[in-house]
């Protein structure tokens, strides 16, 4: 009788670990790493308003379209065709913060949704133009189709002329699919 109880407990423990292992593999983390080639991201709209409290303090709403060619990021092996970002910023002389939302459209037609928080620092270049650098954290919040349960965190860093568009943006992170 005691042996049956011991075997039953052992089987229950094995079953519990098997279920936990299944849960872990279902939420296996995938690495993400991509450098956006120059010229792929373009501001399609932007509207800024001078705040009026100190010189150069502006709030802005903007939209960026990033269109990828053959060199494109992938989620679970599926290529991203384009990404639309809509965001707001609060900058003084080009330095400050921004937050927004992005929709990445995949070659299958599925979408991946994210929200981001960005910190930007701008300096005056030797030619008088303003060049900026930024760091952004994006949280993957879901999607459509087989990407409906995607979750993750991506860290981006880059720079350039914010009026024209950004280039050589490096993004790294990880994502998984919730069960």
N, C-alpha and C. Protein backbone atom coordinates (compact mmCIF):
# COMPACT_ATOMS: atom_id res chain seq x y z
N UNK A 1 0.83 -1.19 0.00
CA UNK A 1 0.00 0.00 0.00
C UNK A 1 0.88 1.26 0.00
N UNK A 2 1.91 1.20 0.83
CA UNK A 2 2.81 2.35 0.91
C UNK A 2 3.53 2.55 -0.42
N UNK A 3 3.87 1.45 -1.10
CA UNK A 3 4.55 1.54 -2.38
C UNK A 3 3.65 2.17 -3.44
N UNK A 4 2.36 1.87 -3.43
CA UNK A 4 1.40 2.45 -4.38
C UNK A 4 1.31 3.96 -4.14
N UNK A 5 1.28 4.37 -2.87
CA UNK A 5 1.21 5.80 -2.54
C UNK A 5 2.47 6.51 -3.03
N UNK A 6 3.64 5.91 -2.84
CA UNK A 6 4.89 6.50 -3.28
C UNK A 6 4.93 6.63 -4.80
N UNK A 7 4.51 5.58 -5.50
CA UNK A 7 4.48 5.62 -6.96
C UNK A 7 3.48 6.68 -7.44
N UNK A 8 2.33 6.78 -6.78
CA UNK A 8 1.32 7.78 -7.15
C UNK A 8 1.87 9.19 -6.97
N UNK A 9 2.55 9.44 -5.87
CA UNK A 9 3.14 10.76 -5.63
C UNK A 9 4.21 11.04 -6.68
N UNK A 10 5.05 10.05 -6.99
CA UNK A 10 6.09 10.23 -7.99
C UNK A 10 5.49 10.54 -9.36
N UNK A 11 4.44 9.81 -9.73
CA UNK A 11 3.77 10.08 -11.01
C UNK A 11 3.14 11.47 -11.03
N UNK A 12 2.56 11.89 -9.91
CA UNK A 12 1.97 13.23 -9.84
C UNK A 12 3.04 14.30 -10.01
N UNK A 13 4.20 14.10 -9.38
CA UNK A 13 5.30 15.06 -9.50
C UNK A 13 5.81 15.10 -10.94
N UNK A 14 5.98 13.92 -11.55
CA UNK A 14 6.43 13.88 -12.95
C UNK A 14 5.43 14.57 -13.86
N UNK A 15 4.14 14.31 -13.65
CA UNK A 15 3.10 14.96 -14.46
C UNK A 15 3.14 16.47 -14.28
N UNK A 16 3.32 16.93 -13.03
CA UNK A 16 3.37 18.36 -12.76
C UNK A 16 4.55 19.01 -13.49
N UNK A 17 5.73 18.37 -13.43
CA UNK A 17 6.89 18.91 -14.12
C UNK A 17 6.73 18.85 -15.63
N UNK A 18 6.07 17.82 -16.13
CA UNK A 18 5.82 17.73 -17.57
C UNK A 18 4.93 18.86 -18.04
N UNK A 19 3.89 19.16 -17.27
CA UNK A 19 3.00 20.27 -17.63
C UNK A 19 3.75 21.60 -17.56
N UNK A 20 4.58 21.76 -16.53
CA UNK A 20 5.36 23.00 -16.40
C UNK A 20 6.34 23.13 -17.56
N UNK A 21 6.97 22.03 -17.95
CA UNK A 21 7.91 22.08 -19.09
C UNK A 21 7.18 22.43 -20.36
N UNK A 22 5.96 21.93 -20.53
CA UNK A 22 5.15 22.29 -21.70
C UNK A 22 4.83 23.76 -21.71
N UNK A 23 4.54 24.32 -20.55
CA UNK A 23 4.25 25.75 -20.44
C UNK A 23 5.49 26.56 -20.78
N UNK A 24 6.65 26.13 -20.29
CA UNK A 24 7.89 26.85 -20.57
C UNK A 24 8.20 26.82 -22.06
N UNK A 25 8.06 25.66 -22.69
CA UNK A 25 8.37 25.61 -24.12
C UNK A 25 7.35 26.39 -24.94
N UNK A 26 6.09 26.45 -24.46
CA UNK A 26 5.08 27.23 -25.18
C UNK A 26 5.42 28.71 -25.12
N UNK A 27 6.10 29.14 -24.07
CA UNK A 27 6.48 30.54 -23.93
C UNK A 27 7.99 30.71 -24.11
N UNK A 28 8.56 29.91 -24.97
CA UNK A 28 9.99 30.00 -25.26
C UNK A 28 10.32 31.39 -25.80
N UNK A 29 11.40 31.95 -25.30
CA UNK A 29 11.78 33.30 -25.72
C UNK A 29 12.61 33.25 -26.99
N UNK A 30 12.30 34.16 -27.91
CA UNK A 30 12.99 34.27 -29.18
C UNK A 30 13.80 35.56 -29.18
N UNK A 31 15.01 35.51 -29.71
CA UNK A 31 15.85 36.71 -29.82
C UNK A 31 15.44 37.54 -31.02
N UNK A 32 15.56 38.86 -30.87
CA UNK A 32 15.26 39.79 -31.96
C UNK A 32 16.46 40.72 -32.07
N UNK A 33 17.00 40.87 -33.27
CA UNK A 33 18.11 41.80 -33.50
C UNK A 33 18.03 42.27 -34.94
N UNK A 34 18.04 43.59 -35.12
CA UNK A 34 17.94 44.14 -36.47
C UNK A 34 18.48 45.56 -36.49
N UNK A 35 19.18 45.91 -37.57
CA UNK A 35 19.62 47.29 -37.80
C UNK A 35 18.85 47.80 -39.01
N UNK A 36 18.07 48.85 -38.81
CA UNK A 36 17.26 49.41 -39.89
C UNK A 36 18.17 50.13 -40.88
N UNK A 37 18.14 49.73 -42.15
CA UNK A 37 18.99 50.38 -43.16
C UNK A 37 18.60 51.85 -43.35
N UNK A 38 19.55 52.70 -43.73
CA UNK A 38 19.25 54.11 -43.98
C UNK A 38 18.18 54.25 -45.06
N UNK A 39 17.33 55.25 -44.89
CA UNK A 39 16.34 55.57 -45.91
C UNK A 39 15.05 54.77 -45.85
N UNK A 40 14.91 53.88 -44.88
CA UNK A 40 13.68 53.09 -44.82
C UNK A 40 12.58 53.76 -44.01
N UNK A 41 12.96 54.64 -43.07
CA UNK A 41 11.98 55.32 -42.21
C UNK A 41 11.79 56.76 -42.67
N UNK A 42 10.53 57.15 -42.87
CA UNK A 42 10.21 58.50 -43.35
C UNK A 42 9.04 59.06 -42.53
N UNK A 43 9.17 60.32 -42.13
CA UNK A 43 8.03 61.00 -41.50
C UNK A 43 6.98 61.25 -42.57
N UNK A 44 5.77 60.75 -42.36
CA UNK A 44 4.69 61.00 -43.32
C UNK A 44 3.85 62.20 -42.89
N UNK A 45 3.82 62.46 -41.59
CA UNK A 45 3.11 63.63 -41.06
C UNK A 45 3.79 64.05 -39.77
N UNK A 46 3.79 65.33 -39.51
CA UNK A 46 4.17 65.83 -38.19
C UNK A 46 3.65 67.24 -38.02
N UNK A 47 3.12 67.48 -36.85
CA UNK A 47 2.57 68.79 -36.50
C UNK A 47 3.12 69.16 -35.14
N UNK A 48 3.73 70.35 -35.05
CA UNK A 48 4.27 70.76 -33.76
C UNK A 48 3.71 72.11 -33.36
N UNK A 49 3.62 72.28 -32.05
CA UNK A 49 3.09 73.51 -31.47
C UNK A 49 4.09 74.02 -30.45
N UNK A 50 4.42 75.28 -30.53
CA UNK A 50 5.30 75.93 -29.56
C UNK A 50 4.53 76.05 -28.24
N UNK A 51 5.12 75.58 -27.14
CA UNK A 51 4.44 75.62 -25.84
C UNK A 51 4.37 77.05 -25.32
N UNK A 52 5.48 77.80 -25.43
CA UNK A 52 5.46 79.20 -25.01
C UNK A 52 6.04 79.49 -23.65
N UNK A 53 6.44 78.47 -22.90
CA UNK A 53 7.00 78.72 -21.57
C UNK A 53 8.48 79.06 -21.62
N UNK A 54 9.25 78.34 -22.43
CA UNK A 54 10.67 78.63 -22.65
C UNK A 54 10.94 78.49 -24.15
N UNK A 55 11.92 79.21 -24.67
CA UNK A 55 12.21 79.10 -26.10
C UNK A 55 12.56 77.66 -26.50
N UNK A 56 12.02 77.21 -27.61
CA UNK A 56 12.34 75.89 -28.14
C UNK A 56 11.54 74.74 -27.57
N UNK A 57 10.59 75.03 -26.63
CA UNK A 57 9.79 73.95 -26.05
C UNK A 57 8.59 73.71 -26.96
N UNK A 58 8.52 72.49 -27.53
CA UNK A 58 7.46 72.15 -28.49
C UNK A 58 6.85 70.80 -28.16
N UNK A 59 5.56 70.70 -28.41
CA UNK A 59 4.90 69.40 -28.40
C UNK A 59 4.59 69.06 -29.85
N UNK A 60 4.62 67.77 -30.15
CA UNK A 60 4.48 67.36 -31.54
C UNK A 60 3.74 66.04 -31.61
N UNK A 61 2.96 65.88 -32.65
CA UNK A 61 2.36 64.59 -32.98
C UNK A 61 2.90 64.22 -34.35
N UNK A 62 3.25 62.95 -34.53
CA UNK A 62 3.88 62.57 -35.80
C UNK A 62 3.58 61.13 -36.17
N UNK A 63 3.86 60.84 -37.44
CA UNK A 63 3.67 59.50 -37.98
C UNK A 63 4.92 59.15 -38.79
N UNK A 64 5.43 57.94 -38.60
CA UNK A 64 6.59 57.46 -39.34
C UNK A 64 6.21 56.16 -40.05
N UNK A 65 6.57 56.07 -41.31
CA UNK A 65 6.38 54.83 -42.06
C UNK A 65 7.76 54.25 -42.33
N UNK A 66 7.96 53.01 -41.93
CA UNK A 66 9.21 52.30 -42.20
C UNK A 66 8.87 51.17 -43.17
N UNK A 67 9.40 51.26 -44.38
CA UNK A 67 9.13 50.25 -45.42
C UNK A 67 10.40 49.45 -45.63
N UNK A 68 10.28 48.13 -45.49
CA UNK A 68 11.43 47.24 -45.60
C UNK A 68 11.50 46.59 -46.97
N UNK A 69 12.72 46.36 -47.42
CA UNK A 69 12.95 45.60 -48.66
C UNK A 69 13.25 44.15 -48.29
N UNK A 70 14.22 43.58 -48.98
CA UNK A 70 14.61 42.20 -48.69
C UNK A 70 15.23 42.06 -47.31
N UNK A 71 15.93 43.11 -46.89
CA UNK A 71 16.54 43.12 -45.56
C UNK A 71 15.50 43.65 -44.59
N UNK A 72 14.91 42.74 -43.80
CA UNK A 72 13.80 43.13 -42.93
C UNK A 72 13.83 42.31 -41.65
N UNK A 73 13.29 42.87 -40.57
CA UNK A 73 13.18 42.08 -39.34
C UNK A 73 12.15 40.97 -39.52
N UNK A 74 12.20 39.99 -38.64
CA UNK A 74 11.28 38.86 -38.70
C UNK A 74 10.79 38.51 -37.30
N UNK A 75 9.56 38.07 -37.25
CA UNK A 75 8.98 37.48 -36.04
C UNK A 75 8.62 36.05 -36.38
N UNK A 76 9.17 35.10 -35.64
CA UNK A 76 8.91 33.67 -35.86
C UNK A 76 9.14 33.30 -37.32
N UNK A 77 10.16 33.89 -37.93
CA UNK A 77 10.51 33.59 -39.31
C UNK A 77 9.70 34.32 -40.37
N UNK A 78 8.73 35.13 -39.94
CA UNK A 78 7.86 35.85 -40.89
C UNK A 78 8.38 37.28 -41.03
N UNK A 79 8.60 37.70 -42.26
CA UNK A 79 9.21 39.00 -42.56
C UNK A 79 8.23 40.15 -42.32
N UNK A 80 8.76 41.24 -41.73
CA UNK A 80 7.99 42.48 -41.58
C UNK A 80 8.10 43.25 -42.90
N UNK A 81 6.97 43.67 -43.46
CA UNK A 81 6.94 44.42 -44.71
C UNK A 81 7.05 45.91 -44.44
N UNK A 82 6.27 46.40 -43.48
CA UNK A 82 6.33 47.81 -43.11
C UNK A 82 5.84 47.99 -41.69
N UNK A 83 6.22 49.13 -41.10
CA UNK A 83 5.79 49.49 -39.76
C UNK A 83 5.30 50.93 -39.78
N UNK A 84 4.15 51.16 -39.16
CA UNK A 84 3.60 52.50 -39.00
C UNK A 84 3.68 52.86 -37.52
N UNK A 85 4.29 54.00 -37.23
CA UNK A 85 4.41 54.48 -35.85
C UNK A 85 3.69 55.81 -35.74
N UNK A 86 2.82 55.91 -34.73
CA UNK A 86 2.14 57.18 -34.42
C UNK A 86 2.50 57.53 -32.99
N UNK A 87 2.99 58.77 -32.80
CA UNK A 87 3.52 59.12 -31.49
C UNK A 87 3.38 60.61 -31.20
N UNK A 88 3.64 60.94 -29.94
CA UNK A 88 3.69 62.34 -29.50
C UNK A 88 5.04 62.58 -28.84
N UNK A 89 5.52 63.81 -28.93
CA UNK A 89 6.79 64.14 -28.28
C UNK A 89 6.65 65.47 -27.54
N UNK A 90 7.50 65.64 -26.55
CA UNK A 90 7.57 66.86 -25.74
C UNK A 90 9.05 67.19 -25.62
N UNK A 91 9.53 68.08 -26.49
CA UNK A 91 10.95 68.38 -26.60
C UNK A 91 11.23 69.84 -26.32
N UNK A 92 12.40 70.10 -25.74
CA UNK A 92 12.95 71.44 -25.65
C UNK A 92 14.27 71.42 -26.42
N UNK A 93 14.33 72.20 -27.49
CA UNK A 93 15.49 72.21 -28.38
C UNK A 93 15.89 70.81 -28.84
N UNK A 94 14.91 69.97 -29.07
CA UNK A 94 15.16 68.63 -29.61
C UNK A 94 15.46 67.56 -28.59
N UNK A 95 15.51 67.92 -27.31
CA UNK A 95 15.75 66.92 -26.26
C UNK A 95 14.49 66.76 -25.43
N UNK A 96 14.18 65.52 -25.08
CA UNK A 96 12.99 65.28 -24.27
C UNK A 96 12.52 63.85 -24.40
N UNK A 97 11.19 63.69 -24.34
CA UNK A 97 10.63 62.35 -24.37
C UNK A 97 9.53 62.24 -25.40
N UNK A 98 9.25 61.00 -25.78
CA UNK A 98 8.16 60.71 -26.71
C UNK A 98 7.53 59.39 -26.31
N UNK A 99 6.30 59.21 -26.70
CA UNK A 99 5.64 57.92 -26.50
C UNK A 99 4.70 57.68 -27.66
N UNK A 100 4.52 56.42 -27.99
CA UNK A 100 3.67 56.13 -29.14
C UNK A 100 3.34 54.67 -29.30
N UNK A 101 2.76 54.39 -30.45
CA UNK A 101 2.27 53.06 -30.79
C UNK A 101 2.72 52.70 -32.19
N UNK A 102 3.00 51.42 -32.41
CA UNK A 102 3.41 50.96 -33.74
C UNK A 102 2.61 49.73 -34.15
N UNK A 103 2.42 49.63 -35.45
CA UNK A 103 1.80 48.45 -36.05
C UNK A 103 2.76 47.95 -37.11
N UNK A 104 3.28 46.75 -36.91
CA UNK A 104 4.15 46.12 -37.91
C UNK A 104 3.30 45.17 -38.74
N UNK A 105 3.34 45.35 -40.05
CA UNK A 105 2.55 44.52 -40.96
C UNK A 105 3.49 43.47 -41.55
N UNK A 106 3.12 42.21 -41.39
CA UNK A 106 3.96 41.10 -41.82
C UNK A 106 3.57 40.65 -43.23
N UNK A 107 4.46 39.90 -43.87
CA UNK A 107 4.20 39.45 -45.24
C UNK A 107 2.97 38.55 -45.36
N UNK A 108 2.53 37.97 -44.26
CA UNK A 108 1.32 37.14 -44.27
C UNK A 108 0.05 37.96 -44.10
N UNK A 109 0.21 39.25 -43.82
CA UNK A 109 -0.93 40.11 -43.53
C UNK A 109 -1.20 40.24 -42.04
N UNK A 110 -0.60 39.37 -41.23
CA UNK A 110 -0.74 39.50 -39.78
C UNK A 110 -0.06 40.77 -39.32
N UNK A 111 -0.44 41.23 -38.13
CA UNK A 111 0.13 42.45 -37.56
C UNK A 111 0.68 42.18 -36.17
N UNK A 112 1.69 42.96 -35.79
CA UNK A 112 2.25 42.94 -34.44
C UNK A 112 2.12 44.35 -33.89
N UNK A 113 1.53 44.48 -32.69
CA UNK A 113 1.29 45.78 -32.06
C UNK A 113 2.30 46.02 -30.95
N UNK A 114 2.70 47.29 -30.80
CA UNK A 114 3.61 47.65 -29.71
C UNK A 114 3.35 49.08 -29.25
N UNK A 115 3.82 49.36 -28.05
CA UNK A 115 3.82 50.74 -27.54
C UNK A 115 5.24 51.03 -27.10
N UNK A 116 5.63 52.31 -27.16
CA UNK A 116 7.02 52.63 -26.86
C UNK A 116 7.15 53.91 -26.04
N UNK A 117 8.26 53.99 -25.34
CA UNK A 117 8.68 55.18 -24.59
C UNK A 117 10.09 55.50 -25.05
N UNK A 118 10.33 56.78 -25.34
CA UNK A 118 11.60 57.19 -25.94
C UNK A 118 12.19 58.39 -25.22
N UNK A 119 13.50 58.39 -25.04
CA UNK A 119 14.24 59.55 -24.54
C UNK A 119 15.18 60.00 -25.64
N UNK A 120 15.21 61.31 -25.89
CA UNK A 120 15.99 61.87 -26.98
C UNK A 120 16.91 62.97 -26.47
N UNK A 121 18.11 63.04 -27.05
CA UNK A 121 19.05 64.11 -26.73
C UNK A 121 19.57 64.68 -28.05
N UNK A 122 19.43 65.98 -28.20
CA UNK A 122 19.87 66.64 -29.44
C UNK A 122 21.04 67.58 -29.16
N UNK A 123 21.93 67.67 -30.14
CA UNK A 123 23.07 68.59 -30.07
C UNK A 123 23.16 69.34 -31.39
N UNK A 124 23.78 70.52 -31.34
CA UNK A 124 23.99 71.29 -32.56
C UNK A 124 25.28 70.79 -33.21
N UNK A 125 25.17 70.35 -34.46
CA UNK A 125 26.33 69.86 -35.21
C UNK A 125 27.18 71.04 -35.69
N UNK A 126 28.37 70.76 -36.16
CA UNK A 126 29.28 71.81 -36.61
C UNK A 126 28.71 72.63 -37.76
N UNK A 127 27.80 72.05 -38.55
CA UNK A 127 27.19 72.79 -39.67
C UNK A 127 25.95 73.57 -39.24
N UNK A 128 25.65 73.56 -37.93
CA UNK A 128 24.50 74.30 -37.41
C UNK A 128 23.21 73.51 -37.35
N UNK A 129 23.17 72.34 -37.95
CA UNK A 129 21.96 71.52 -37.89
C UNK A 129 21.89 70.80 -36.54
N UNK A 130 20.70 70.36 -36.21
CA UNK A 130 20.51 69.61 -34.97
C UNK A 130 20.53 68.12 -35.28
N UNK A 131 21.39 67.42 -34.61
CA UNK A 131 21.46 65.96 -34.73
C UNK A 131 21.07 65.38 -33.38
N UNK A 132 20.34 64.31 -33.43
CA UNK A 132 19.87 63.73 -32.18
C UNK A 132 20.21 62.26 -32.06
N UNK A 133 20.20 61.81 -30.83
CA UNK A 133 20.32 60.39 -30.55
C UNK A 133 19.19 60.02 -29.62
N UNK A 134 18.78 58.78 -29.68
CA UNK A 134 17.67 58.39 -28.84
C UNK A 134 17.79 56.94 -28.40
N UNK A 135 17.09 56.64 -27.33
CA UNK A 135 16.93 55.28 -26.82
C UNK A 135 15.45 55.06 -26.60
N UNK A 136 14.96 53.92 -27.05
CA UNK A 136 13.53 53.64 -26.96
C UNK A 136 13.30 52.21 -26.48
N UNK A 137 12.28 52.03 -25.66
CA UNK A 137 11.87 50.70 -25.23
C UNK A 137 10.47 50.46 -25.76
N UNK A 138 10.32 49.39 -26.54
CA UNK A 138 9.02 49.01 -27.09
C UNK A 138 8.54 47.75 -26.39
N UNK A 139 7.27 47.75 -26.04
CA UNK A 139 6.63 46.58 -25.45
C UNK A 139 5.69 45.98 -26.48
N UNK A 140 5.93 44.73 -26.87
CA UNK A 140 5.03 44.06 -27.80
C UNK A 140 3.78 43.65 -27.02
N UNK A 141 2.62 44.10 -27.50
CA UNK A 141 1.38 43.93 -26.74
C UNK A 141 0.40 42.94 -27.36
N UNK A 142 0.70 42.41 -28.53
CA UNK A 142 -0.20 41.46 -29.18
C UNK A 142 -0.14 41.62 -30.67
N UNK A 143 -1.13 41.08 -31.33
CA UNK A 143 -1.17 41.16 -32.78
C UNK A 143 -2.41 40.49 -33.33
N UNK A 144 -2.35 40.10 -34.59
CA UNK A 144 -3.47 39.41 -35.21
C UNK A 144 -3.01 38.03 -35.69
N UNK A 145 -3.97 37.16 -35.97
CA UNK A 145 -3.64 35.83 -36.47
C UNK A 145 -2.77 35.06 -35.49
N UNK A 146 -1.75 34.40 -36.02
CA UNK A 146 -0.89 33.59 -35.15
C UNK A 146 -0.03 34.44 -34.22
N UNK A 147 -0.07 35.76 -34.39
CA UNK A 147 0.70 36.67 -33.53
C UNK A 147 -0.16 37.34 -32.45
N UNK A 148 -1.38 36.86 -32.26
CA UNK A 148 -2.29 37.49 -31.30
C UNK A 148 -1.76 37.42 -29.87
N UNK A 149 -0.94 36.43 -29.56
CA UNK A 149 -0.44 36.30 -28.19
C UNK A 149 1.03 36.69 -28.05
N UNK A 150 1.59 37.37 -29.06
CA UNK A 150 3.00 37.77 -28.97
C UNK A 150 3.18 38.82 -27.87
N UNK A 151 4.24 38.67 -27.10
CA UNK A 151 4.62 39.62 -26.07
C UNK A 151 6.14 39.75 -26.13
N UNK A 152 6.66 40.86 -25.64
CA UNK A 152 8.11 41.00 -25.63
C UNK A 152 8.55 42.41 -25.34
N UNK A 153 9.86 42.59 -25.28
CA UNK A 153 10.47 43.89 -25.04
C UNK A 153 11.64 44.07 -26.00
N UNK A 154 11.65 45.22 -26.68
CA UNK A 154 12.71 45.54 -27.63
C UNK A 154 13.34 46.87 -27.25
N UNK A 155 14.65 46.97 -27.30
CA UNK A 155 15.38 48.19 -27.01
C UNK A 155 16.02 48.69 -28.30
N UNK A 156 15.73 49.95 -28.64
CA UNK A 156 16.29 50.56 -29.86
C UNK A 156 17.17 51.73 -29.50
N UNK A 157 18.19 51.96 -30.31
CA UNK A 157 19.05 53.13 -30.16
C UNK A 157 19.45 53.57 -31.55
N UNK A 158 19.50 54.87 -31.74
CA UNK A 158 19.88 55.39 -33.06
C UNK A 158 20.00 56.89 -33.02
N UNK A 159 20.01 57.47 -34.19
CA UNK A 159 20.12 58.91 -34.26
C UNK A 159 19.96 59.40 -35.67
N UNK A 160 20.17 60.69 -35.81
CA UNK A 160 20.05 61.32 -37.12
C UNK A 160 19.37 62.66 -37.01
N UNK A 161 18.87 63.12 -38.12
CA UNK A 161 18.14 64.39 -38.19
C UNK A 161 16.67 64.06 -38.02
N UNK A 162 16.08 64.48 -36.91
CA UNK A 162 14.71 64.10 -36.59
C UNK A 162 13.69 64.72 -37.54
N UNK A 163 14.05 65.76 -38.26
CA UNK A 163 13.11 66.35 -39.22
C UNK A 163 13.05 65.53 -40.51
N UNK A 164 14.12 64.83 -40.81
CA UNK A 164 14.19 64.06 -42.05
C UNK A 164 13.83 62.59 -41.82
N UNK A 165 14.36 62.01 -40.79
CA UNK A 165 14.14 60.59 -40.51
C UNK A 165 15.37 60.00 -39.86
N UNK A 166 15.20 58.85 -39.28
CA UNK A 166 16.28 58.21 -38.55
C UNK A 166 16.95 57.16 -39.41
N UNK A 167 18.20 56.87 -39.09
CA UNK A 167 18.91 55.84 -39.85
C UNK A 167 19.78 55.02 -38.92
N UNK A 168 20.12 53.83 -39.38
CA UNK A 168 20.97 52.91 -38.63
C UNK A 168 20.48 52.69 -37.20
N UNK A 169 19.18 52.50 -37.07
CA UNK A 169 18.59 52.23 -35.77
C UNK A 169 18.82 50.75 -35.44
N UNK A 170 19.46 50.50 -34.31
CA UNK A 170 19.72 49.12 -33.88
C UNK A 170 18.69 48.74 -32.83
N UNK A 171 18.02 47.62 -33.06
CA UNK A 171 16.99 47.14 -32.15
C UNK A 171 17.32 45.71 -31.73
N UNK A 172 17.26 45.47 -30.43
CA UNK A 172 17.51 44.14 -29.89
C UNK A 172 16.51 43.86 -28.79
N UNK A 173 16.24 42.59 -28.57
CA UNK A 173 15.36 42.21 -27.49
C UNK A 173 14.92 40.78 -27.61
N UNK A 174 13.80 40.48 -26.98
CA UNK A 174 13.26 39.14 -27.05
C UNK A 174 11.74 39.19 -27.02
N UNK A 175 11.15 38.14 -27.55
CA UNK A 175 9.69 38.03 -27.56
C UNK A 175 9.30 36.57 -27.37
N UNK A 176 8.04 36.37 -27.04
CA UNK A 176 7.51 35.03 -26.82
C UNK A 176 6.03 35.04 -27.15
N UNK A 177 5.44 33.88 -27.14
CA UNK A 177 4.01 33.75 -27.40
C UNK A 177 3.36 33.20 -26.14
N UNK A 178 2.43 33.96 -25.56
CA UNK A 178 1.75 33.50 -24.36
C UNK A 178 0.81 32.36 -24.71
N UNK A 179 0.69 31.46 -23.78
CA UNK A 179 -0.21 30.33 -23.99
C UNK A 179 -1.57 30.65 -23.44
